[in-house]
Protein backbone atom coordinates (compact mmCIF):
# COMPACT_ATOMS: atom_id res chain seq x y z
CA MET A 1 139.99 88.35 139.47
CA LYS A 2 138.01 85.46 138.60
CA LYS A 3 134.82 87.56 138.03
CA THR A 4 136.90 90.01 135.81
CA LEU A 5 138.26 87.02 133.78
CA THR A 6 134.71 85.50 133.34
CA ALA A 7 133.25 88.80 132.13
CA LEU A 8 136.09 89.31 129.79
CA LEU A 9 135.64 85.75 128.33
CA LEU A 10 131.88 86.41 128.12
CA LEU A 11 132.43 89.76 126.23
CA ALA A 12 134.85 87.96 123.82
CA GLY A 13 132.21 85.34 123.22
CA LEU A 14 129.49 87.75 122.42
CA ASN A 15 131.84 89.79 120.11
CA THR A 16 132.57 86.60 118.38
CA TYR A 17 128.89 85.64 117.96
CA ALA A 18 128.18 89.13 116.83
CA GLN A 19 130.90 89.02 114.16
CA LYS A 20 129.54 85.60 112.96
CA GLU A 21 125.82 86.79 112.75
CA ILE A 22 126.21 90.36 111.57
CA GLY A 23 129.81 90.59 110.28
CA PRO A 24 130.92 92.17 107.07
CA ASP A 25 130.28 89.16 105.04
CA LYS A 26 126.62 89.08 106.07
CA TRP A 27 125.97 92.56 104.48
CA ILE A 28 124.94 93.00 100.85
CA LYS A 29 126.72 96.01 99.24
CA LEU A 30 124.08 97.31 96.94
CA PHE A 31 126.70 99.89 95.63
CA ASN A 32 129.85 98.03 94.92
CA GLY A 33 131.90 101.34 94.70
CA LYS A 34 132.85 100.62 91.19
CA ASP A 35 129.77 100.51 88.75
CA LEU A 36 126.08 100.52 88.30
CA LYS A 37 125.79 96.95 86.86
CA ASP A 38 123.16 95.97 89.34
CA TRP A 39 120.92 98.87 89.01
CA ASP A 40 118.06 100.17 86.66
CA ILE A 41 117.64 103.88 85.78
CA LYS A 42 114.38 105.43 85.28
CA ILE A 43 114.08 109.25 84.72
CA SER A 44 110.72 110.99 83.84
CA GLY A 45 110.31 111.60 80.18
CA HIS A 46 113.01 109.11 79.30
CA GLU A 47 112.87 105.49 78.45
CA LEU A 48 114.05 102.78 80.94
CA ASN A 49 117.84 102.89 81.50
CA ASP A 50 118.28 106.23 79.43
CA ASN A 51 120.84 107.81 81.91
CA PHE A 52 120.06 111.14 80.50
CA ALA A 53 123.08 113.37 80.72
CA ASN A 54 124.95 111.03 82.82
CA THR A 55 122.61 111.86 85.76
CA PHE A 56 123.80 108.89 87.82
CA ARG A 57 127.35 108.09 87.76
CA VAL A 58 130.31 106.48 89.74
CA ASP A 59 133.03 108.98 90.76
CA SER A 60 135.97 108.31 93.28
CA GLY A 61 134.22 105.29 94.67
CA MET A 62 130.92 107.22 95.25
CA LEU A 63 127.49 106.97 93.60
CA LYS A 64 126.75 110.55 92.51
CA VAL A 65 123.73 112.49 91.28
CA SER A 66 124.93 115.18 89.06
CA TYR A 67 123.48 117.83 86.70
CA GLU A 68 126.36 119.08 84.91
CA GLY A 69 124.75 118.13 81.66
CA TYR A 70 121.44 119.80 82.18
CA ASP A 71 120.37 123.28 80.98
CA ASP A 72 117.28 123.13 83.03
CA PHE A 73 115.82 120.47 85.44
CA ASN A 74 112.49 120.44 83.50
CA ASN A 75 110.74 118.02 85.97
CA GLN A 76 113.06 115.23 85.03
CA TYR A 77 112.80 113.48 88.43
CA GLY A 78 114.94 110.25 88.31
CA HIS A 79 115.51 107.20 90.39
CA ILE A 80 118.07 104.52 90.23
CA PHE A 81 116.82 101.05 91.23
CA TYR A 82 118.50 97.94 92.66
CA ARG A 83 117.36 95.01 90.46
CA LYS A 84 116.17 92.96 93.25
CA ASN A 85 113.22 93.03 95.58
CA PHE A 86 113.49 92.70 99.46
CA SER A 87 110.86 92.25 102.05
CA ALA A 88 112.62 92.35 105.45
CA TYR A 89 115.99 94.28 105.78
CA LEU A 90 118.09 97.01 107.26
CA VAL A 91 119.27 99.37 104.54
CA VAL A 92 122.07 101.76 105.33
CA VAL A 93 123.17 104.81 103.35
CA GLU A 94 125.66 107.47 103.90
CA TYR A 95 124.91 110.64 101.80
CA LYS A 96 126.21 114.27 101.38
CA PHE A 97 124.62 117.09 99.43
CA THR A 98 127.12 119.08 97.40
CA GLY A 99 127.08 122.24 95.06
CA ASP A 100 124.21 124.09 93.71
CA GLN A 101 120.76 123.04 92.63
CA VAL A 102 120.34 122.90 88.92
CA LYS A 103 118.31 125.56 87.30
CA GLY A 104 114.57 124.98 87.21
CA GLY A 105 114.57 122.85 90.37
CA PRO A 106 111.56 123.37 92.62
CA GLY A 107 112.32 125.16 95.89
CA TRP A 108 111.15 122.16 97.94
CA ALA A 109 113.77 120.10 96.26
CA TYR A 110 116.79 122.02 97.52
CA ARG A 111 119.23 119.65 99.27
CA ASN A 112 116.47 117.03 98.77
CA SER A 113 116.83 113.38 97.84
CA GLY A 114 115.54 110.19 99.27
CA VAL A 115 115.77 106.15 99.62
CA MET A 116 112.55 104.71 98.24
CA LEU A 117 111.36 101.60 99.98
CA HIS A 118 108.92 98.81 99.08
CA GLY A 119 108.80 100.41 95.67
CA GLN A 120 107.57 99.24 92.20
CA THR A 121 110.07 98.10 89.62
CA ALA A 122 111.76 100.48 87.25
CA ALA A 123 110.25 98.44 84.31
CA SER A 124 106.64 99.10 85.64
CA MET A 125 106.96 102.74 85.58
CA THR A 126 105.34 104.59 82.61
CA LYS A 127 107.75 106.92 80.57
CA ASP A 128 106.37 110.16 81.91
CA GLN A 129 105.89 108.90 85.74
CA ASP A 130 107.63 111.19 88.12
CA PHE A 131 107.85 108.90 91.32
CA PRO A 132 107.65 105.21 92.02
CA ILE A 133 104.77 104.03 94.17
CA SER A 134 106.74 103.59 97.28
CA LEU A 135 107.63 104.89 100.75
CA GLU A 136 110.23 107.57 100.84
CA GLU A 137 112.90 108.05 103.46
CA GLN A 138 113.19 111.61 102.53
CA LEU A 139 116.91 112.84 102.95
CA LEU A 140 117.27 116.62 103.53
CA GLY A 141 120.14 119.04 104.09
CA GLY A 142 119.91 122.15 106.08
CA ASN A 143 119.86 125.51 104.59
CA GLY A 144 122.36 127.02 107.26
CA LYS A 145 119.87 128.69 109.53
CA ASP A 146 116.39 126.91 109.63
CA VAL A 147 115.26 123.61 111.21
CA ARG A 148 115.11 120.94 108.46
CA THR A 149 114.80 117.42 109.60
CA THR A 150 115.90 114.36 107.62
CA SER A 151 114.65 110.79 107.30
CA ASN A 152 111.27 112.13 107.08
CA LEU A 153 108.45 110.11 105.55
CA CYS A 154 106.80 110.90 102.13
CA THR A 155 104.29 108.61 100.50
CA PRO A 156 104.02 108.77 96.58
CA GLY A 157 101.06 106.56 95.78
CA THR A 158 101.00 105.27 99.41
CA ASN A 159 99.59 105.51 102.94
CA VAL A 160 100.71 104.20 106.27
CA VAL A 161 99.19 103.68 109.77
CA MET A 162 100.75 105.62 112.72
CA ASN A 163 99.49 104.97 116.36
CA GLY A 164 96.61 103.10 114.89
CA LYS A 165 95.51 105.86 112.53
CA LEU A 166 95.61 105.74 108.78
CA ILE A 167 97.85 108.61 107.67
CA LYS A 168 97.14 110.33 104.31
CA ASP A 169 99.46 113.21 104.52
CA HIS A 170 102.13 113.15 101.98
CA CYS A 171 105.05 114.01 104.06
CA ILE A 172 105.60 113.55 107.90
CA SER A 173 108.44 115.19 109.67
CA SER A 174 110.85 112.98 111.75
CA THR A 175 112.52 114.05 115.06
CA SER A 176 115.95 114.11 113.69
CA LYS A 177 118.25 116.93 114.01
CA THR A 178 119.22 119.30 111.15
CA TYR A 179 122.43 118.75 109.23
CA HIS A 180 123.79 121.88 107.81
CA GLY A 181 126.59 122.10 105.25
CA ASP A 182 128.23 119.47 103.13
CA VAL A 183 128.48 116.87 105.74
CA TRP A 184 128.19 113.07 105.57
CA VAL A 185 124.99 111.71 107.24
CA HIS A 186 124.37 107.96 108.18
CA ALA A 187 120.75 106.96 107.65
CA GLU A 188 119.22 103.60 107.93
CA ALA A 189 115.70 102.12 107.48
CA LEU A 190 114.52 99.02 109.29
CA VAL A 191 111.87 97.41 107.22
CA LEU A 192 109.90 94.28 108.25
CA ARG A 193 107.48 93.42 105.51
CA ASP A 194 104.20 95.22 106.04
CA SER A 195 104.34 95.20 109.84
CA VAL A 196 106.63 98.04 110.94
CA ILE A 197 109.09 100.33 109.36
CA LYS A 198 111.50 102.61 111.23
CA HIS A 199 113.77 105.36 109.89
CA ILE A 200 116.99 105.77 111.85
CA VAL A 201 119.60 108.61 111.75
CA GLU A 202 123.08 108.42 113.42
CA GLY A 203 121.73 105.62 115.55
CA ASP A 204 118.60 107.26 116.73
CA THR A 205 115.12 106.15 115.66
CA VAL A 206 113.28 109.23 114.29
CA ILE A 207 110.02 108.08 112.80
CA VAL A 208 108.00 104.69 113.08
CA TYR A 209 105.01 103.54 111.11
CA ASN A 210 103.24 100.27 110.05
CA LYS A 211 100.69 98.88 107.54
CA PRO A 212 102.31 100.53 104.38
CA GLN A 213 99.68 100.39 101.68
CA VAL A 214 98.93 101.67 98.19
CA GLY A 215 96.73 104.86 98.24
CA GLY A 216 96.78 108.58 98.15
CA GLY A 217 98.24 110.70 95.48
CA SER A 218 101.55 112.65 94.76
CA VAL A 219 102.48 110.35 91.82
CA SER A 220 101.76 111.25 88.24
CA HIS A 221 101.28 109.02 85.34
CA ALA A 222 101.37 105.68 86.95
CA ASP A 223 99.73 102.67 85.57
CA PRO A 224 96.29 102.54 87.11
CA LYS A 225 96.43 98.83 87.52
CA LEU A 226 99.12 99.26 90.18
CA LEU A 227 97.10 101.96 92.13
CA GLU A 228 94.86 99.23 94.11
CA GLU A 229 93.76 101.29 96.97
CA GLY A 230 94.64 99.58 100.31
CA ARG A 231 96.79 96.91 98.99
CA LEU A 232 99.36 96.12 101.67
CA LEU A 233 103.21 96.45 100.59
CA SER A 234 105.16 93.72 101.99
CA GLU A 235 108.05 93.87 99.65
CA GLY A 236 109.29 95.98 96.72
CA THR A 237 112.46 97.64 95.40
CA ILE A 238 114.89 100.08 96.77
CA SER A 239 115.78 103.08 94.82
CA LEU A 240 117.72 106.46 95.30
CA GLN A 241 116.37 109.86 93.89
CA SER A 242 117.39 112.68 91.62
CA GLU A 243 115.39 115.59 92.51
CA SER A 244 117.55 118.47 91.20
CA HIS A 245 120.33 118.95 93.83
CA PRO A 246 123.58 117.22 93.53
CA VAL A 247 124.09 114.42 96.19
CA ALA A 248 126.72 111.72 96.68
CA PHE A 249 126.35 108.33 98.42
CA ARG A 250 129.42 106.61 99.69
CA LYS A 251 127.63 103.58 101.19
CA VAL A 252 124.48 101.81 100.17
CA GLU A 253 124.29 98.41 101.77
CA LEU A 254 121.57 96.10 103.18
CA PHE A 255 121.43 93.41 105.82
CA ASP A 256 118.76 90.87 104.75
CA LEU A 257 116.40 89.93 107.56
CA SER A 258 114.04 87.68 105.52
CA PRO A 259 115.78 84.44 106.98
CA TYR A 260 114.84 85.48 110.57
CA VAL A 261 111.66 87.28 110.22
CA ASP A 262 109.30 84.31 110.87
CA ASP A 263 111.21 83.30 113.94
CA PRO A 264 110.60 86.08 116.45
CA ALA A 265 113.33 84.93 118.90
CA LYS A 266 116.02 84.75 116.22
CA LEU A 267 114.73 88.06 114.77
CA ASN A 268 114.85 89.90 118.01
CA LYS A 269 118.50 88.56 118.65
CA ILE A 270 119.61 89.82 115.39
CA LEU A 271 118.01 93.02 115.85
CA LYS A 272 119.58 93.63 119.17
CA LEU A 273 122.97 92.90 117.63
CA LEU A 274 122.48 95.31 114.92
CA GLN A 275 121.12 97.96 117.30
CA GLN A 276 124.16 97.50 119.56
CA ARG A 277 126.69 98.28 116.76
CA ASN A 278 128.85 101.41 117.70
CA LYS A 279 126.77 104.53 116.89
CA PRO A 280 128.44 106.22 113.72
CA LYS A 281 130.28 109.46 114.40
CA GLN A 282 129.34 112.35 112.55
CA LYS A 283 131.45 112.56 109.40
CA LYS A 284 132.85 115.92 108.47
């Protein structure tokens, strides 16, 4: 009986500690469910904060990417940027693809969006630039029959190191399962400056890389001064994509790890608490 009571008290103490260290008040709601006041918008071919055809909008408490006002996609790739840089963090999104791809959208962009990490600012993009120099946690939806992993890595204007080798491929597939249909998917990215980045889907780590750096191609019309080959990326913006398929985000939030990143013991303790959160159940 004493052992049982001791265990219960210990568990209660751990729960209290976890609630204090990673409780709801410790998270930053990048998307507040009400408006886009803390975000900048940049769509290729348009000036900064020209939200062409109301592409990015808030509807029913969700941040939606919509193409109702488009006659043709016409390579108008867009991104919505949170107006603060981050260096060490866990970012969490819950997303769902809906509807049909807009006319003129490329085949590869079917049920395709992404979370851009360590990116340049919206203001530093040129008018005709298609993608920010960044690391993309690529979000893909299934087509109903084929394998199509999500939380892959794509690298517009960047390269990374994996298993000690510099990787120059533009997109690298993760080990995630495929999510067919209009289902909610819970995805995370753990970013620790320029040391390690992990993509996580429904609680499972599906790809890991390090030493993110400027390099490679797959970005058009970027300011050449920002394309300094080999420059390590230790911080940057977070942005969400519009790539021609409607998508909704009902959660975009972040746990800031910068206060702990220089203290390995504290950082490991916080990371364990974050890892021990209940794995989110698949939403239907």
